[in-house]
Amino acid sequence: MLKAEIYITLKKTISDPQGLTIKHALESLGYKGLQEVRIGKLVTIRLNTGDKKEAKKQVDEMCQKLLANPIIENYSFKIEEVK
């Protein structure tokens, strides 16, 4: 069995209102010197296969077709064995 961890973030050219809100909140709590805060998503999927090559292909297709919006988001993923 394999597990995919998919990280989805807004592209750098897209403003991140959630990140800005959290940055301001952290600064109001006394955390100074924050240059930027950006928010993303983590999606974890367990795959019933042991074939990493096929798993990478499937996860990439999932990201392109549904999980990420390629116009405004970037994604990356890692696949590892689950014991």
PDB file of N, CA and C in Angstrom:
ATOM      1  N   MET A   1       0.856  -1.169   0.000  1.00  0.00           N
ATOM      2  CA  MET A   1       0.000   0.000   0.000  1.00  0.00           C
ATOM      3  C   MET A   1       0.904   1.236   0.000  1.00  0.00           C
ATOM      4  N   LEU A   2       0.487   2.240  -0.736  1.00  0.00           N
ATOM      5  CA  LEU A   2       1.229   3.493  -0.817  1.00  0.00           C
ATOM      6  C   LEU A   2       0.376   4.649  -0.323  1.00  0.00           C
ATOM      7  N   LYS A   3       1.059   5.672   0.162  1.00  0.00           N
ATOM      8  CA  LYS A   3       0.372   6.877   0.612  1.00  0.00           C
ATOM      9  C   LYS A   3       0.928   8.059  -0.167  1.00  0.00           C
ATOM     10  N   ALA A   4       0.031   8.887  -0.682  1.00  0.00           N
ATOM     11  CA  ALA A   4       0.426  10.106  -1.374  1.00  0.00           C
ATOM     12  C   ALA A   4       0.069  11.291  -0.496  1.00  0.00           C
ATOM     13  N   GLU A   5       1.029  12.202  -0.338  1.00  0.00           N
ATOM     14  CA  GLU A   5       0.783  13.474   0.335  1.00  0.00           C
ATOM     15  C   GLU A   5       0.911  14.560  -0.720  1.00  0.00           C
ATOM     16  N   ILE A   6      -0.192  15.259  -0.955  1.00  0.00           N
ATOM     17  CA  ILE A   6      -0.261  16.262  -2.013  1.00  0.00           C
ATOM     18  C   ILE A   6      -0.350  17.642  -1.369  1.00  0.00           C
ATOM     19  N   TYR A   7       0.562  18.518  -1.763  1.00  0.00           N
ATOM     20  CA  TYR A   7       0.605  19.885  -1.245  1.00  0.00           C
ATOM     21  C   TYR A   7       0.123  20.824  -2.344  1.00  0.00           C
ATOM     22  N   ILE A   8      -0.909  21.600  -2.044  1.00  0.00           N
ATOM     23  CA  ILE A   8      -1.485  22.518  -3.021  1.00  0.00           C
ATOM     24  C   ILE A   8      -1.384  23.931  -2.462  1.00  0.00           C
ATOM     25  N   THR A   9      -0.782  24.829  -3.238  1.00  0.00           N
ATOM     26  CA  THR A   9      -0.609  26.209  -2.809  1.00  0.00           C
ATOM     27  C   THR A   9      -0.995  27.156  -3.938  1.00  0.00           C
ATOM     28  N   LEU A  10      -1.361  28.359  -3.555  1.00  0.00           N
ATOM     29  CA  LEU A  10      -1.628  29.378  -4.561  1.00  0.00           C
ATOM     30  C   LEU A  10      -0.330  29.772  -5.250  1.00  0.00           C
ATOM     31  N   LYS A  11      -0.406  30.083  -6.515  1.00  0.00           N
ATOM     32  CA  LYS A  11       0.764  30.580  -7.231  1.00  0.00           C
ATOM     33  C   LYS A  11       1.194  31.896  -6.606  1.00  0.00           C
ATOM     34  N   LYS A  12       2.480  32.212  -6.707  1.00  0.00           N
ATOM     35  CA  LYS A  12       3.024  33.426  -6.095  1.00  0.00           C
ATOM     36  C   LYS A  12       2.349  34.686  -6.632  1.00  0.00           C
ATOM     37  N   THR A  13       1.858  34.649  -7.872  1.00  0.00           N
ATOM     38  CA  THR A  13       1.235  35.836  -8.469  1.00  0.00           C
ATOM     39  C   THR A  13      -0.196  36.051  -8.004  1.00  0.00           C
ATOM     40  N   ILE A  14      -0.745  35.094  -7.260  1.00  0.00           N
ATOM     41  CA  ILE A  14      -2.125  35.174  -6.769  1.00  0.00           C
ATOM     42  C   ILE A  14      -2.102  35.660  -5.318  1.00  0.00           C
ATOM     43  N   SER A  15      -2.901  36.679  -5.016  1.00  0.00           N
ATOM     44  CA  SER A  15      -2.953  37.158  -3.637  1.00  0.00           C
ATOM     45  C   SER A  15      -3.581  36.097  -2.736  1.00  0.00           C
ATOM     46  N   ASP A  16      -3.168  36.099  -1.484  1.00  0.00           N
ATOM     47  CA  ASP A  16      -3.610  35.100  -0.520  1.00  0.00           C
ATOM     48  C   ASP A  16      -4.253  35.806   0.673  1.00  0.00           C
ATOM     49  N   PRO A  17      -5.569  36.113   0.599  1.00  0.00           N
ATOM     50  CA  PRO A  17      -6.217  36.841   1.695  1.00  0.00           C
ATOM     51  C   PRO A  17      -6.170  36.095   3.030  1.00  0.00           C
ATOM     52  N   GLN A  18      -6.251  34.767   3.020  1.00  0.00           N
ATOM     53  CA  GLN A  18      -6.163  34.011   4.276  1.00  0.00           C
ATOM     54  C   GLN A  18      -4.771  34.175   4.888  1.00  0.00           C
ATOM     55  N   GLY A  19      -3.764  34.100   4.054  1.00  0.00           N
ATOM     56  CA  GLY A  19      -2.400  34.275   4.529  1.00  0.00           C
ATOM     57  C   GLY A  19      -2.194  35.657   5.137  1.00  0.00           C
ATOM     58  N   LEU A  20      -2.737  36.691   4.481  1.00  0.00           N
ATOM     59  CA  LEU A  20      -2.626  38.050   5.001  1.00  0.00           C
ATOM     60  C   LEU A  20      -3.324  38.190   6.353  1.00  0.00           C
ATOM     61  N   THR A  21      -4.509  37.591   6.482  1.00  0.00           N
ATOM     62  CA  THR A  21      -5.258  37.644   7.737  1.00  0.00           C
ATOM     63  C   THR A  21      -4.464  36.982   8.864  1.00  0.00           C
ATOM     64  N   ILE A  22      -3.887  35.830   8.586  1.00  0.00           N
ATOM     65  CA  ILE A  22      -3.107  35.125   9.599  1.00  0.00           C
ATOM     66  C   ILE A  22      -1.839  35.907   9.936  1.00  0.00           C
ATOM     67  N   LYS A  23      -1.209  36.502   8.936  1.00  0.00           N
ATOM     68  CA  LYS A  23      -0.015  37.323   9.176  1.00  0.00           C
ATOM     69  C   LYS A  23      -0.333  38.463  10.132  1.00  0.00           C
ATOM     70  N   HIS A  24      -1.440  39.166   9.872  1.00  0.00           N
ATOM     71  CA  HIS A  24      -1.837  40.279  10.739  1.00  0.00           C
ATOM     72  C   HIS A  24      -2.161  39.785  12.154  1.00  0.00           C
ATOM     73  N   ALA A  25      -2.824  38.641  12.245  1.00  0.00           N
ATOM     74  CA  ALA A  25      -3.161  38.091  13.565  1.00  0.00           C
ATOM     75  C   ALA A  25      -1.898  37.704  14.333  1.00  0.00           C
ATOM     76  N   LEU A  26      -0.936  37.093  13.653  1.00  0.00           N
ATOM     77  CA  LEU A  26       0.317  36.730  14.310  1.00  0.00           C
ATOM     78  C   LEU A  26       1.076  37.978  14.777  1.00  0.00           C
ATOM     79  N   GLU A  27       1.074  39.016  13.941  1.00  0.00           N
ATOM     80  CA  GLU A  27       1.737  40.257  14.324  1.00  0.00           C
ATOM     81  C   GLU A  27       1.067  40.890  15.533  1.00  0.00           C
ATOM     82  N   SER A  28      -0.277  40.793  15.599  1.00  0.00           N
ATOM     83  CA  SER A  28      -0.981  41.360  16.759  1.00  0.00           C
ATOM     84  C   SER A  28      -0.698  40.564  18.031  1.00  0.00           C
ATOM     85  N   LEU A  29      -0.243  39.329  17.876  1.00  0.00           N
ATOM     86  CA  LEU A  29       0.145  38.511  19.029  1.00  0.00           C
ATOM     87  C   LEU A  29       1.606  38.724  19.415  1.00  0.00           C
ATOM     88  N   GLY A  30       2.282  39.616  18.692  1.00  0.00           N
ATOM     89  CA  GLY A  30       3.651  39.941  19.047  1.00  0.00           C
ATOM     90  C   GLY A  30       4.722  39.305  18.178  1.00  0.00           C
ATOM     91  N   TYR A  31       4.334  38.540  17.181  1.00  0.00           N
ATOM     92  CA  TYR A  31       5.314  37.919  16.287  1.00  0.00           C
ATOM     93  C   TYR A  31       5.666  38.916  15.193  1.00  0.00           C
ATOM     94  N   LYS A  32       6.802  39.547  15.353  1.00  0.00           N
ATOM     95  CA  LYS A  32       7.217  40.593  14.413  1.00  0.00           C
ATOM     96  C   LYS A  32       8.203  40.022  13.401  1.00  0.00           C
ATOM     97  N   GLY A  33       8.391  40.753  12.331  1.00  0.00           N
ATOM     98  CA  GLY A  33       9.373  40.355  11.330  1.00  0.00           C
ATOM     99  C   GLY A  33       8.883  39.297  10.371  1.00  0.00           C
ATOM    100  N   LEU A  34       7.585  39.129  10.277  1.00  0.00           N
ATOM    101  CA  LEU A  34       7.042  38.163   9.316  1.00  0.00           C
ATOM    102  C   LEU A  34       6.991  38.823   7.942  1.00  0.00           C
ATOM    103  N   GLN A  35       7.665  38.261   6.996  1.00  0.00           N
ATOM    104  CA  GLN A  35       7.661  38.842   5.663  1.00  0.00           C
ATOM    105  C   GLN A  35       6.404  38.449   4.898  1.00  0.00           C
ATOM    106  N   GLU A  36       6.017  37.174   5.001  1.00  0.00           N
ATOM    107  CA  GLU A  36       4.869  36.698   4.234  1.00  0.00           C
ATOM    108  C   GLU A  36       4.324  35.433   4.886  1.00  0.00           C
ATOM    109  N   VAL A  37       3.011  35.267   4.817  1.00  0.00           N
ATOM    110  CA  VAL A  37       2.353  34.034   5.243  1.00  0.00           C
ATOM    111  C   VAL A  37       1.447  33.611   4.102  1.00  0.00           C
ATOM    112  N   ARG A  38       1.595  32.376   3.674  1.00  0.00           N
ATOM    113  CA  ARG A  38       0.740  31.845   2.608  1.00  0.00           C
ATOM    114  C   ARG A  38       0.120  30.543   3.107  1.00  0.00           C
ATOM    115  N   ILE A  39      -1.110  30.316   2.731  1.00  0.00           N
ATOM    116  CA  ILE A  39      -1.862  29.149   3.179  1.00  0.00           C
ATOM    117  C   ILE A  39      -1.990  28.164   2.019  1.00  0.00           C
ATOM    118  N   GLY A  40      -1.951  26.885   2.347  1.00  0.00           N
ATOM    119  CA  GLY A  40      -2.116  25.850   1.341  1.00  0.00           C
ATOM    120  C   GLY A  40      -2.984  24.721   1.879  1.00  0.00           C
ATOM    121  N   LYS A  41      -3.055  23.667   1.096  1.00  0.00           N
ATOM    122  CA  LYS A  41      -3.839  22.491   1.490  1.00  0.00           C
ATOM    123  C   LYS A  41      -2.942  21.263   1.439  1.00  0.00           C
ATOM    124  N   LEU A  42      -3.206  20.317   2.320  1.00  0.00           N
ATOM    125  CA  LEU A  42      -2.558  19.015   2.298  1.00  0.00           C
ATOM    126  C   LEU A  42      -3.653  17.980   2.094  1.00  0.00           C
ATOM    127  N   VAL A  43      -3.485  17.162   1.059  1.00  0.00           N
ATOM    128  CA  VAL A  43      -4.427  16.079   0.775  1.00  0.00           C
ATOM    129  C   VAL A  43      -3.648  14.772   0.910  1.00  0.00           C
ATOM    130  N   THR A  44      -4.161  13.849   1.703  1.00  0.00           N
ATOM    131  CA  THR A  44      -3.517  12.542   1.871  1.00  0.00           C
ATOM    132  C   THR A  44      -4.416  11.473   1.278  1.00  0.00           C
ATOM    133  N   ILE A  45      -3.828  10.638   0.432  1.00  0.00           N
ATOM    134  CA  ILE A  45      -4.584   9.565  -0.227  1.00  0.00           C
ATOM    135  C   ILE A  45      -3.824   8.264  -0.053  1.00  0.00           C
ATOM    136  N   ARG A  46      -4.518   7.225   0.364  1.00  0.00           N
ATOM    137  CA  ARG A  46      -3.921   5.875   0.428  1.00  0.00           C
ATOM    138  C   ARG A  46      -4.333   5.124  -0.822  1.00  0.00           C
ATOM    139  N   LEU A  47      -3.345   4.522  -1.447  1.00  0.00           N
ATOM    140  CA  LEU A  47      -3.568   3.812  -2.705  1.00  0.00           C
ATOM    141  C   LEU A  47      -3.325   2.324  -2.513  1.00  0.00           C
ATOM    142  N   ASN A  48      -4.234   1.511  -3.007  1.00  0.00           N
ATOM    143  CA  ASN A  48      -4.095   0.059  -2.900  1.00  0.00           C
ATOM    144  C   ASN A  48      -3.241  -0.468  -4.044  1.00  0.00           C
ATOM    145  N   THR A  49      -1.991  -0.066  -4.058  1.00  0.00           N
ATOM    146  CA  THR A  49      -1.046  -0.542  -5.051  1.00  0.00           C
ATOM    147  C   THR A  49       0.355  -0.475  -4.463  1.00  0.00           C
ATOM    148  N   GLY A  50       1.245  -1.238  -5.018  1.00  0.00           N
ATOM    149  CA  GLY A  50       2.637  -1.188  -4.611  1.00  0.00           C
ATOM    150  C   GLY A  50       3.516  -0.623  -5.704  1.00  0.00           C
ATOM    151  N   ASP A  51       2.903  -0.245  -6.812  1.00  0.00           N
ATOM    152  CA  ASP A  51       3.618   0.249  -7.989  1.00  0.00           C
ATOM    153  C   ASP A  51       3.747   1.771  -7.921  1.00  0.00           C
ATOM    154  N   LYS A  52       4.936   2.260  -7.523  1.00  0.00           N
ATOM    155  CA  LYS A  52       5.125   3.699  -7.346  1.00  0.00           C
ATOM    156  C   LYS A  52       4.976   4.467  -8.650  1.00  0.00           C
ATOM    157  N   LYS A  53       5.424   3.898  -9.738  1.00  0.00           N
ATOM    158  CA  LYS A  53       5.327   4.581 -11.040  1.00  0.00           C
ATOM    159  C   LYS A  53       3.860   4.812 -11.405  1.00  0.00           C
ATOM    160  N   GLU A  54       3.042   3.793 -11.245  1.00  0.00           N
ATOM    161  CA  GLU A  54       1.605   3.917 -11.540  1.00  0.00           C
ATOM    162  C   GLU A  54       0.938   4.874 -10.557  1.00  0.00           C
ATOM    163  N   ALA A  55       1.328   4.807  -9.303  1.00  0.00           N
ATOM    164  CA  ALA A  55       0.757   5.699  -8.285  1.00  0.00           C
ATOM    165  C   ALA A  55       1.070   7.155  -8.631  1.00  0.00           C
ATOM    166  N   LYS A  56       2.310   7.447  -9.036  1.00  0.00           N
ATOM    167  CA  LYS A  56       2.676   8.816  -9.415  1.00  0.00           C
ATOM    168  C   LYS A  56       1.829   9.295 -10.586  1.00  0.00           C
ATOM    169  N   LYS A  57       1.626   8.426 -11.555  1.00  0.00           N
ATOM    170  CA  LYS A  57       0.806   8.789 -12.714  1.00  0.00           C
ATOM    171  C   LYS A  57      -0.624   9.103 -12.288  1.00  0.00           C
ATOM    172  N   GLN A  58      -1.200   8.250 -11.448  1.00  0.00           N
ATOM    173  CA  GLN A  58      -2.575   8.449 -10.998  1.00  0.00           C
ATOM    174  C   GLN A  58      -2.717   9.732 -10.179  1.00  0.00           C
ATOM    175  N   VAL A  59      -1.796   9.958  -9.255  1.00  0.00           N
ATOM    176  CA  VAL A  59      -1.878  11.139  -8.399  1.00  0.00           C
ATOM    177  C   VAL A  59      -1.727  12.410  -9.235  1.00  0.00           C
ATOM    178  N   ASP A  60      -0.821  12.394 -10.199  1.00  0.00           N
ATOM    179  CA  ASP A  60      -0.661  13.559 -11.065  1.00  0.00           C
ATOM    180  C   ASP A  60      -1.957  13.835 -11.832  1.00  0.00           C
ATOM    181  N   GLU A  61      -2.593  12.797 -12.349  1.00  0.00           N
ATOM    182  CA  GLU A  61      -3.874  12.952 -13.055  1.00  0.00           C
ATOM    183  C   GLU A  61      -4.948  13.497 -12.115  1.00  0.00           C
ATOM    184  N   MET A  62      -4.995  12.988 -10.888  1.00  0.00           N
ATOM    185  CA  MET A  62      -5.982  13.461  -9.909  1.00  0.00           C
ATOM    186  C   MET A  62      -5.810  14.954  -9.658  1.00  0.00           C
ATOM    187  N   CYS A  63      -4.567  15.372  -9.529  1.00  0.00           N
ATOM    188  CA  CYS A  63      -4.287  16.790  -9.276  1.00  0.00           C
ATOM    189  C   CYS A  63      -4.711  17.647 -10.460  1.00  0.00           C
ATOM    190  N   GLN A  64      -4.383  17.199 -11.659  1.00  0.00           N
ATOM    191  CA  GLN A  64      -4.708  17.976 -12.857  1.00  0.00           C
ATOM    192  C   GLN A  64      -6.213  18.042 -13.117  1.00  0.00           C
ATOM    193  N   LYS A  65      -6.918  16.949 -12.828  1.00  0.00           N
ATOM    194  CA  LYS A  65      -8.345  16.878 -13.150  1.00  0.00           C
ATOM    195  C   LYS A  65      -9.263  17.423 -12.062  1.00  0.00           C
ATOM    196  N   LEU A  66      -8.835  17.336 -10.788  1.00  0.00           N
ATOM    197  CA  LEU A  66      -9.775  17.682  -9.715  1.00  0.00           C
ATOM    198  C   LEU A  66      -9.163  18.431  -8.533  1.00  0.00           C
ATOM    199  N   LEU A  67      -8.062  17.957  -8.018  1.00  0.00           N
ATOM    200  CA  LEU A  67      -7.584  18.461  -6.731  1.00  0.00           C
ATOM    201  C   LEU A  67      -7.010  19.872  -6.771  1.00  0.00           C
ATOM    202  N   ALA A  68      -6.360  20.247  -7.860  1.00  0.00           N
ATOM    203  CA  ALA A  68      -5.749  21.575  -7.960  1.00  0.00           C
ATOM    204  C   ALA A  68      -6.323  22.319  -9.164  1.00  0.00           C
ATOM    205  N   ASN A  69      -6.430  23.624  -9.024  1.00  0.00           N
ATOM    206  CA  ASN A  69      -6.851  24.482 -10.126  1.00  0.00           C
ATOM    207  C   ASN A  69      -5.570  25.018 -10.780  1.00  0.00           C
ATOM    208  N   PRO A  70      -5.205  24.501 -11.946  1.00  0.00           N
ATOM    209  CA  PRO A  70      -3.918  24.862 -12.545  1.00  0.00           C
ATOM    210  C   PRO A  70      -3.791  26.339 -12.920  1.00  0.00           C
ATOM    211  N   ILE A  71      -4.879  27.050 -12.963  1.00  0.00           N
ATOM    212  CA  ILE A  71      -4.827  28.475 -13.303  1.00  0.00           C
ATOM    213  C   ILE A  71      -4.264  29.283 -12.136  1.00  0.00           C
ATOM    214  N   ILE A  72      -4.635  28.908 -10.910  1.00  0.00           N
ATOM    215  CA  ILE A  72      -4.207  29.703  -9.751  1.00  0.00           C
ATOM    216  C   ILE A  72      -3.385  28.935  -8.725  1.00  0.00           C
ATOM    217  N   GLU A  73      -3.252  27.611  -8.891  1.00  0.00           N
ATOM    218  CA  GLU A  73      -2.570  26.812  -7.881  1.00  0.00           C
ATOM    219  C   GLU A  73      -1.423  25.990  -8.469  1.00  0.00           C
ATOM    220  N   ASN A  74      -0.433  25.747  -7.620  1.00  0.00           N
ATOM    221  CA  ASN A  74       0.640  24.797  -7.897  1.00  0.00           C
ATOM    222  C   ASN A  74       0.438  23.596  -6.990  1.00  0.00           C
ATOM    223  N   TYR A  75       0.964  22.465  -7.398  1.00  0.00           N
ATOM    224  CA  TYR A  75       0.907  21.295  -6.525  1.00  0.00           C
ATOM    225  C   TYR A  75       2.212  20.516  -6.635  1.00  0.00           C
ATOM    226  N   SER A  76       2.499  19.810  -5.570  1.00  0.00           N
ATOM    227  CA  SER A  76       3.600  18.862  -5.544  1.00  0.00           C
ATOM    228  C   SER A  76       3.149  17.710  -4.659  1.00  0.00           C
ATOM    229  N   PHE A  77       3.780  16.571  -4.827  1.00  0.00           N
ATOM    230  CA  PHE A  77       3.392  15.435  -3.996  1.00  0.00           C
ATOM    231  C   PHE A  77       4.570  14.515  -3.773  1.00  0.00           C
ATOM    232  N   LYS A  78       4.425  13.716  -2.730  1.00  0.00           N
ATOM    233  CA  LYS A  78       5.380  12.653  -2.477  1.00  0.00           C
ATOM    234  C   LYS A  78       4.606  11.382  -2.218  1.00  0.00           C
ATOM    235  N   ILE A  79       5.203  10.282  -2.577  1.00  0.00           N
ATOM    236  CA  ILE A  79       4.563   8.985  -2.397  1.00  0.00           C
ATOM    237  C   ILE A  79       5.501   8.115  -1.583  1.00  0.00           C
ATOM    238  N   GLU A  80       4.937   7.476  -0.570  1.00  0.00           N
ATOM    239  CA  GLU A  80       5.752   6.602   0.278  1.00  0.00           C
ATOM    240  C   GLU A  80       4.990   5.347   0.637  1.00  0.00           C
ATOM    241  N   GLU A  81       5.728   4.314   0.991  1.00  0.00           N
ATOM    242  CA  GLU A  81       5.105   3.067   1.406  1.00  0.00           C
ATOM    243  C   GLU A  81       4.513   3.191   2.793  1.00  0.00           C
ATOM    244  N   VAL A  82       3.388   2.539   2.977  1.00  0.00           N
ATOM    245  CA  VAL A  82       2.728   2.483   4.282  1.00  0.00           C
ATOM    246  C   VAL A  82       2.800   1.050   4.757  1.00  0.00           C
ATOM    247  N   LYS A  83       3.222   0.879   5.962  1.00  0.00           N
ATOM    248  CA  LYS A  83       3.349  -0.493   6.508  1.00  0.00           C
ATOM    249  C   LYS A  83       2.107  -0.896   7.231  1.00  0.00           C
TER     250      LYS A  83
END
